[in-house]
């Protein structure tokens, strides 16, 4: 009878051990599945970060290109403005020469008029 009781206890212990093993195996399997899922999430996040970095790099390059274009455009405007200012100076000098010529012509005409009246 004692031996039968001992065998029953052993069977019960083995049954509990097997149940506990099954539970631990299930928890291990679940943990492995969670690790795989987390690894995929990390991988996806890394891809998103790289994509964002590429977008930032592209936008930075575009911004730098636009800045360079604007600087070149501004330099072209400065050169063109300088050319126009030089042309305006030349025109003002020519106008001054024309005024002086008019005065000389008017003075000569006046002198000739006075001389004709004197004679």
N, C-alpha and C. Protein backbone atom coordinates (compact mmCIF):
# COMPACT_ATOMS: atom_id res chain seq x y z
N UNK A 1 0.82 -1.19 0.00
CA UNK A 1 0.00 0.00 0.00
C UNK A 1 0.86 1.25 0.00
N UNK A 2 1.89 1.26 0.80
CA UNK A 2 2.79 2.42 0.86
C UNK A 2 3.44 2.63 -0.51
N UNK A 3 3.80 1.50 -1.12
CA UNK A 3 4.45 1.61 -2.41
C UNK A 3 3.48 2.19 -3.43
N UNK A 4 2.24 1.82 -3.38
CA UNK A 4 1.24 2.32 -4.29
C UNK A 4 1.04 3.82 -4.04
N UNK A 5 1.01 4.22 -2.79
CA UNK A 5 0.86 5.62 -2.44
C UNK A 5 2.07 6.41 -2.96
N UNK A 6 3.26 5.84 -2.80
CA UNK A 6 4.48 6.50 -3.26
C UNK A 6 4.44 6.63 -4.78
N UNK A 7 3.98 5.56 -5.46
CA UNK A 7 3.88 5.61 -6.91
C UNK A 7 2.87 6.67 -7.33
N UNK A 8 1.80 6.79 -6.58
CA UNK A 8 0.79 7.82 -6.89
C UNK A 8 1.37 9.20 -6.73
N UNK A 9 2.13 9.42 -5.67
CA UNK A 9 2.77 10.72 -5.45
C UNK A 9 3.76 11.02 -6.57
N UNK A 10 4.48 9.98 -6.99
CA UNK A 10 5.47 10.17 -8.05
C UNK A 10 4.77 10.50 -9.36
N UNK A 11 3.68 9.80 -9.61
CA UNK A 11 2.92 10.10 -10.83
C UNK A 11 2.36 11.53 -10.78
N UNK A 12 1.87 11.92 -9.62
CA UNK A 12 1.34 13.28 -9.45
C UNK A 12 2.46 14.31 -9.67
N UNK A 13 3.64 14.04 -9.09
CA UNK A 13 4.77 14.95 -9.24
C UNK A 13 5.19 15.03 -10.69
N UNK A 14 5.21 13.89 -11.37
CA UNK A 14 5.59 13.87 -12.78
C UNK A 14 4.56 14.63 -13.61
N UNK A 15 3.30 14.42 -13.28
CA UNK A 15 2.24 15.14 -14.00
C UNK A 15 2.39 16.65 -13.79
N UNK A 16 2.62 17.09 -12.56
CA UNK A 16 2.81 18.52 -12.27
C UNK A 16 4.05 19.06 -12.97
N UNK A 17 5.13 18.24 -12.98
CA UNK A 17 6.36 18.64 -13.64
C UNK A 17 6.11 18.83 -15.14
N UNK A 18 5.39 17.89 -15.74
CA UNK A 18 5.08 17.99 -17.17
C UNK A 18 4.20 19.20 -17.47
N UNK A 19 3.21 19.46 -16.61
CA UNK A 19 2.35 20.63 -16.80
C UNK A 19 3.17 21.92 -16.69
N UNK A 20 4.05 21.94 -15.68
CA UNK A 20 4.90 23.13 -15.49
C UNK A 20 5.84 23.31 -16.68
N UNK A 21 6.37 22.19 -17.17
CA UNK A 21 7.25 22.23 -18.34
C UNK A 21 6.48 22.76 -19.56
N UNK A 22 5.25 22.26 -19.74
CA UNK A 22 4.42 22.70 -20.86
C UNK A 22 4.14 24.21 -20.74
N UNK A 23 3.83 24.65 -19.52
CA UNK A 23 3.58 26.08 -19.29
C UNK A 23 4.82 26.92 -19.61
N UNK A 24 5.97 26.46 -19.12
CA UNK A 24 7.22 27.19 -19.37
C UNK A 24 7.56 27.21 -20.86
N UNK A 25 7.32 26.06 -21.54
CA UNK A 25 7.56 26.01 -22.99
C UNK A 25 6.66 26.99 -23.73
N UNK A 26 5.39 27.08 -23.29
CA UNK A 26 4.45 28.02 -23.91
C UNK A 26 4.92 29.46 -23.66
N UNK A 27 5.34 29.77 -22.42
CA UNK A 27 5.84 31.11 -22.10
C UNK A 27 7.09 31.42 -22.92
N UNK A 28 7.96 30.42 -23.06
CA UNK A 28 9.18 30.60 -23.85
C UNK A 28 8.83 30.87 -25.31
N UNK A 29 7.88 30.10 -25.84
CA UNK A 29 7.44 30.28 -27.22
C UNK A 29 6.84 31.68 -27.42
N UNK A 30 5.98 32.09 -26.45
CA UNK A 30 5.38 33.43 -26.51
C UNK A 30 6.46 34.51 -26.46
N UNK A 31 7.46 34.31 -25.59
CA UNK A 31 8.54 35.29 -25.45
C UNK A 31 9.34 35.39 -26.74
N UNK A 32 9.60 34.22 -27.36
CA UNK A 32 10.33 34.21 -28.64
C UNK A 32 9.54 34.95 -29.71
N UNK A 33 8.22 34.70 -29.76
CA UNK A 33 7.35 35.38 -30.73
C UNK A 33 7.38 36.89 -30.49
N UNK A 34 7.35 37.31 -29.22
CA UNK A 34 7.39 38.73 -28.88
C UNK A 34 8.73 39.35 -29.30
N UNK A 35 9.82 38.59 -29.09
CA UNK A 35 11.14 39.08 -29.51
C UNK A 35 11.18 39.28 -31.03
N UNK A 36 10.63 38.31 -31.76
CA UNK A 36 10.59 38.42 -33.23
C UNK A 36 9.78 39.64 -33.65
N UNK A 37 8.62 39.80 -33.01
CA UNK A 37 7.76 40.96 -33.32
C UNK A 37 8.50 42.27 -33.02
N UNK A 38 9.13 42.33 -31.84
CA UNK A 38 9.87 43.54 -31.45
C UNK A 38 11.02 43.82 -32.41
N UNK A 39 11.68 42.75 -32.84
CA UNK A 39 12.79 42.91 -33.80
C UNK A 39 12.27 43.48 -35.11
N UNK A 40 11.10 43.02 -35.55
CA UNK A 40 10.50 43.55 -36.78
C UNK A 40 10.14 45.01 -36.61
N UNK A 41 9.57 45.36 -35.45
CA UNK A 41 9.22 46.76 -35.17
C UNK A 41 10.47 47.63 -35.19
N UNK A 42 11.54 47.13 -34.54
CA UNK A 42 12.81 47.88 -34.53
C UNK A 42 13.34 48.04 -35.95
N UNK A 43 13.27 46.96 -36.73
CA UNK A 43 13.71 47.02 -38.14
C UNK A 43 12.90 48.03 -38.93
N UNK A 44 11.57 48.00 -38.74
CA UNK A 44 10.70 48.96 -39.43
C UNK A 44 11.02 50.39 -39.00
N UNK A 45 11.24 50.57 -37.71
CA UNK A 45 11.58 51.90 -37.19
C UNK A 45 12.90 52.38 -37.77
N UNK A 46 13.89 51.47 -37.83
CA UNK A 46 15.18 51.83 -38.44
C UNK A 46 15.00 52.26 -39.89
N UNK A 47 14.15 51.52 -40.63
CA UNK A 47 13.89 51.88 -42.03
C UNK A 47 13.24 53.27 -42.11
N UNK A 48 12.29 53.54 -41.22
CA UNK A 48 11.63 54.85 -41.20
C UNK A 48 12.63 55.95 -40.87
N UNK A 49 13.53 55.68 -39.92
CA UNK A 49 14.55 56.68 -39.56
C UNK A 49 15.46 56.95 -40.75
N UNK A 50 15.89 55.86 -41.44
CA UNK A 50 16.76 56.04 -42.61
C UNK A 50 16.02 56.81 -43.70
N UNK A 51 14.74 56.49 -43.91
CA UNK A 51 13.95 57.20 -44.92
C UNK A 51 13.84 58.68 -44.54
N UNK A 52 13.61 58.95 -43.25
CA UNK A 52 13.53 60.34 -42.78
C UNK A 52 14.86 61.05 -42.97
N UNK A 53 15.95 60.35 -42.65
CA UNK A 53 17.29 60.94 -42.84
C UNK A 53 17.51 61.28 -44.31
N UNK A 54 17.08 60.36 -45.20
CA UNK A 54 17.24 60.61 -46.63
C UNK A 54 16.41 61.81 -47.07
N UNK A 55 15.19 61.91 -46.53
CA UNK A 55 14.34 63.07 -46.86
C UNK A 55 15.00 64.35 -46.38
N UNK A 56 15.51 64.32 -45.14
CA UNK A 56 16.17 65.51 -44.58
C UNK A 56 17.38 65.88 -45.44
N UNK A 57 18.17 64.89 -45.82
CA UNK A 57 19.35 65.13 -46.65
C UNK A 57 18.94 65.73 -48.00
N UNK A 58 17.90 65.15 -48.60
CA UNK A 58 17.41 65.66 -49.88
C UNK A 58 16.93 67.10 -49.74
N UNK A 59 16.15 67.37 -48.69
CA UNK A 59 15.64 68.73 -48.48
C UNK A 59 16.78 69.71 -48.22
N UNK A 60 17.78 69.26 -47.45
CA UNK A 60 18.94 70.12 -47.17
C UNK A 60 19.68 70.43 -48.47
N UNK A 61 19.87 69.40 -49.31
CA UNK A 61 20.53 69.62 -50.59
C UNK A 61 19.73 70.57 -51.48
N UNK A 62 18.40 70.39 -51.49
CA UNK A 62 17.53 71.28 -52.27
C UNK A 62 17.65 72.71 -51.74
N UNK A 63 17.63 72.85 -50.42
CA UNK A 63 17.73 74.18 -49.81
C UNK A 63 19.07 74.84 -50.17
N UNK A 64 20.15 74.05 -50.09
CA UNK A 64 21.46 74.60 -50.43
C UNK A 64 21.52 74.99 -51.91
N UNK A 65 20.92 74.18 -52.76
CA UNK A 65 20.88 74.50 -54.20
C UNK A 65 20.10 75.79 -54.43
N UNK A 66 18.97 75.92 -53.73
CA UNK A 66 18.16 77.14 -53.88
C UNK A 66 18.92 78.36 -53.37
N UNK A 67 19.63 78.21 -52.24
CA UNK A 67 20.42 79.31 -51.71
C UNK A 67 21.48 79.73 -52.71
N UNK A 68 22.13 78.73 -53.32
CA UNK A 68 23.17 79.02 -54.31
C UNK A 68 22.57 79.74 -55.51
N UNK A 69 21.40 79.25 -55.96
CA UNK A 69 20.72 79.91 -57.08
C UNK A 69 20.38 81.36 -56.74
N UNK A 70 19.86 81.57 -55.52
CA UNK A 70 19.52 82.92 -55.10
C UNK A 70 20.75 83.81 -55.03
N UNK A 71 21.84 83.28 -54.48
CA UNK A 71 23.08 84.05 -54.42
C UNK A 71 23.57 84.41 -55.82
N UNK A 72 23.51 83.45 -56.74
CA UNK A 72 23.91 83.72 -58.13
C UNK A 72 23.00 84.76 -58.76
N UNK A 73 21.70 84.62 -58.49
CA UNK A 73 20.73 85.58 -59.04
C UNK A 73 20.99 86.98 -58.48
N UNK A 74 21.25 87.05 -57.17
CA UNK A 74 21.56 88.35 -56.55
C UNK A 74 22.82 88.96 -57.15
N UNK A 75 23.83 88.13 -57.38
CA UNK A 75 25.08 88.62 -57.98
C UNK A 75 24.81 89.13 -59.39
N UNK A 76 23.98 88.39 -60.14
CA UNK A 76 23.61 88.86 -61.49
C UNK A 76 22.88 90.20 -61.43
N UNK A 77 21.97 90.35 -60.45
CA UNK A 77 21.25 91.61 -60.31
C UNK A 77 22.20 92.74 -59.95
N UNK A 78 23.19 92.46 -59.07
CA UNK A 78 24.17 93.49 -58.71
C UNK A 78 24.95 93.95 -59.95
N UNK A 79 25.39 92.99 -60.74
CA UNK A 79 26.15 93.32 -61.96
C UNK A 79 25.28 94.13 -62.91
N UNK A 80 24.05 93.68 -63.09
CA UNK A 80 23.15 94.38 -64.01
C UNK A 80 22.85 95.79 -63.50
N UNK A 81 22.65 95.91 -62.19
CA UNK A 81 22.40 97.23 -61.60
C UNK A 81 23.60 98.14 -61.81
N UNK A 82 24.81 97.60 -61.64
CA UNK A 82 26.02 98.39 -61.84
C UNK A 82 26.12 98.85 -63.29
N UNK A 83 25.79 97.97 -64.22
CA UNK A 83 25.80 98.33 -65.64
C UNK A 83 24.81 99.47 -65.89
N UNK A 84 23.60 99.36 -65.33
CA UNK A 84 22.59 100.42 -65.52
C UNK A 84 23.05 101.73 -64.89
N UNK A 85 23.67 101.64 -63.72
CA UNK A 85 24.18 102.86 -63.07
C UNK A 85 25.26 103.51 -63.94
N UNK A 86 26.13 102.69 -64.53
CA UNK A 86 27.18 103.23 -65.42
C UNK A 86 26.56 103.89 -66.65
N UNK A 87 25.54 103.25 -67.21
CA UNK A 87 24.85 103.83 -68.38
C UNK A 87 24.22 105.17 -68.01
N UNK A 88 23.57 105.21 -66.83
CA UNK A 88 22.93 106.45 -66.37
C UNK A 88 23.98 107.56 -66.20
N UNK A 89 25.14 107.22 -65.64
CA UNK A 89 26.22 108.22 -65.49
C UNK A 89 26.65 108.75 -66.85
N UNK A 90 26.81 107.84 -67.83
CA UNK A 90 27.20 108.26 -69.18
C UNK A 90 26.15 109.19 -69.78
N UNK A 91 24.87 108.83 -69.61
CA UNK A 91 23.79 109.66 -70.16
C UNK A 91 23.80 111.04 -69.50
N UNK A 92 23.99 111.09 -68.17
CA UNK A 92 24.04 112.38 -67.46
C UNK A 92 25.22 113.21 -67.94
N UNK A 93 26.36 112.55 -68.19
CA UNK A 93 27.52 113.28 -68.72
C UNK A 93 27.22 113.85 -70.11
N UNK A 94 26.56 113.04 -70.94
CA UNK A 94 26.19 113.52 -72.28
C UNK A 94 25.20 114.67 -72.20
N UNK A 95 24.25 114.59 -71.26
CA UNK A 95 23.29 115.69 -71.08
C UNK A 95 24.02 116.96 -70.67
N UNK A 96 24.99 116.81 -69.78
CA UNK A 96 25.77 117.97 -69.33
C UNK A 96 26.53 118.59 -70.51
N UNK A 97 27.10 117.73 -71.34
CA UNK A 97 27.82 118.22 -72.53
C UNK A 97 26.86 118.96 -73.46
N UNK A 98 25.66 118.38 -73.65
CA UNK A 98 24.65 119.02 -74.50
C UNK A 98 24.27 120.38 -73.92
N UNK A 99 24.08 120.48 -72.60
CA UNK A 99 23.75 121.77 -71.96
C UNK A 99 24.85 122.79 -72.22
N UNK A 100 26.10 122.34 -72.05
CA UNK A 100 27.23 123.25 -72.26
C UNK A 100 27.28 123.70 -73.72
N UNK A 101 27.03 122.78 -74.63
CA UNK A 101 27.01 123.14 -76.05
C UNK A 101 25.90 124.14 -76.35
N UNK A 102 24.73 123.95 -75.73
CA UNK A 102 23.60 124.88 -75.92
C UNK A 102 23.98 126.27 -75.43
N UNK A 103 24.61 126.29 -74.23
CA UNK A 103 25.02 127.59 -73.68
C UNK A 103 26.01 128.27 -74.60
N UNK A 104 27.00 127.48 -75.08
CA UNK A 104 28.00 128.05 -75.97
C UNK A 104 27.34 128.55 -77.25
N UNK A 105 26.42 127.75 -77.78
CA UNK A 105 25.72 128.15 -79.00
C UNK A 105 24.88 129.41 -78.76
N UNK A 106 24.17 129.43 -77.62
CA UNK A 106 23.35 130.59 -77.29
C UNK A 106 24.23 131.82 -77.11
N UNK A 107 25.37 131.66 -76.41
CA UNK A 107 26.27 132.79 -76.20
C UNK A 107 26.84 133.28 -77.53
N UNK A 108 27.17 132.34 -78.42
CA UNK A 108 27.71 132.71 -79.73
C UNK A 108 26.65 133.47 -80.53
N UNK A 109 25.42 132.94 -80.49
CA UNK A 109 24.34 133.62 -81.22
C UNK A 109 24.12 135.02 -80.65
N UNK A 110 24.15 135.09 -79.30
CA UNK A 110 23.95 136.39 -78.67
C UNK A 110 25.08 137.35 -79.07
N UNK A 111 26.31 136.80 -79.05
CA UNK A 111 27.46 137.63 -79.43
C UNK A 111 27.33 138.10 -80.87
N UNK A 112 26.92 137.18 -81.77
CA UNK A 112 26.75 137.57 -83.17
C UNK A 112 25.64 138.60 -83.31
N UNK A 113 24.58 138.46 -82.56
CA UNK A 113 23.47 139.42 -82.59
C UNK A 113 23.96 140.79 -82.14
N UNK A 114 24.69 140.77 -81.01
CA UNK A 114 25.21 142.05 -80.50
C UNK A 114 26.15 142.66 -81.52
N UNK A 115 27.01 141.86 -82.13
CA UNK A 115 27.98 142.37 -83.12
C UNK A 115 27.25 142.93 -84.32
N UNK A 116 26.15 142.27 -84.72
CA UNK A 116 25.43 142.77 -85.90
C UNK A 116 24.75 144.10 -85.60
N UNK A 117 24.32 144.28 -84.39
CA UNK A 117 23.68 145.54 -84.00
C UNK A 117 24.73 146.65 -83.85
N UNK A 118 25.92 146.22 -83.41
CA UNK A 118 26.99 147.22 -83.22
C UNK A 118 27.43 147.74 -84.58
N UNK A 119 27.49 146.89 -85.58
CA UNK A 119 27.94 147.34 -86.89
C UNK A 119 26.84 148.09 -87.51
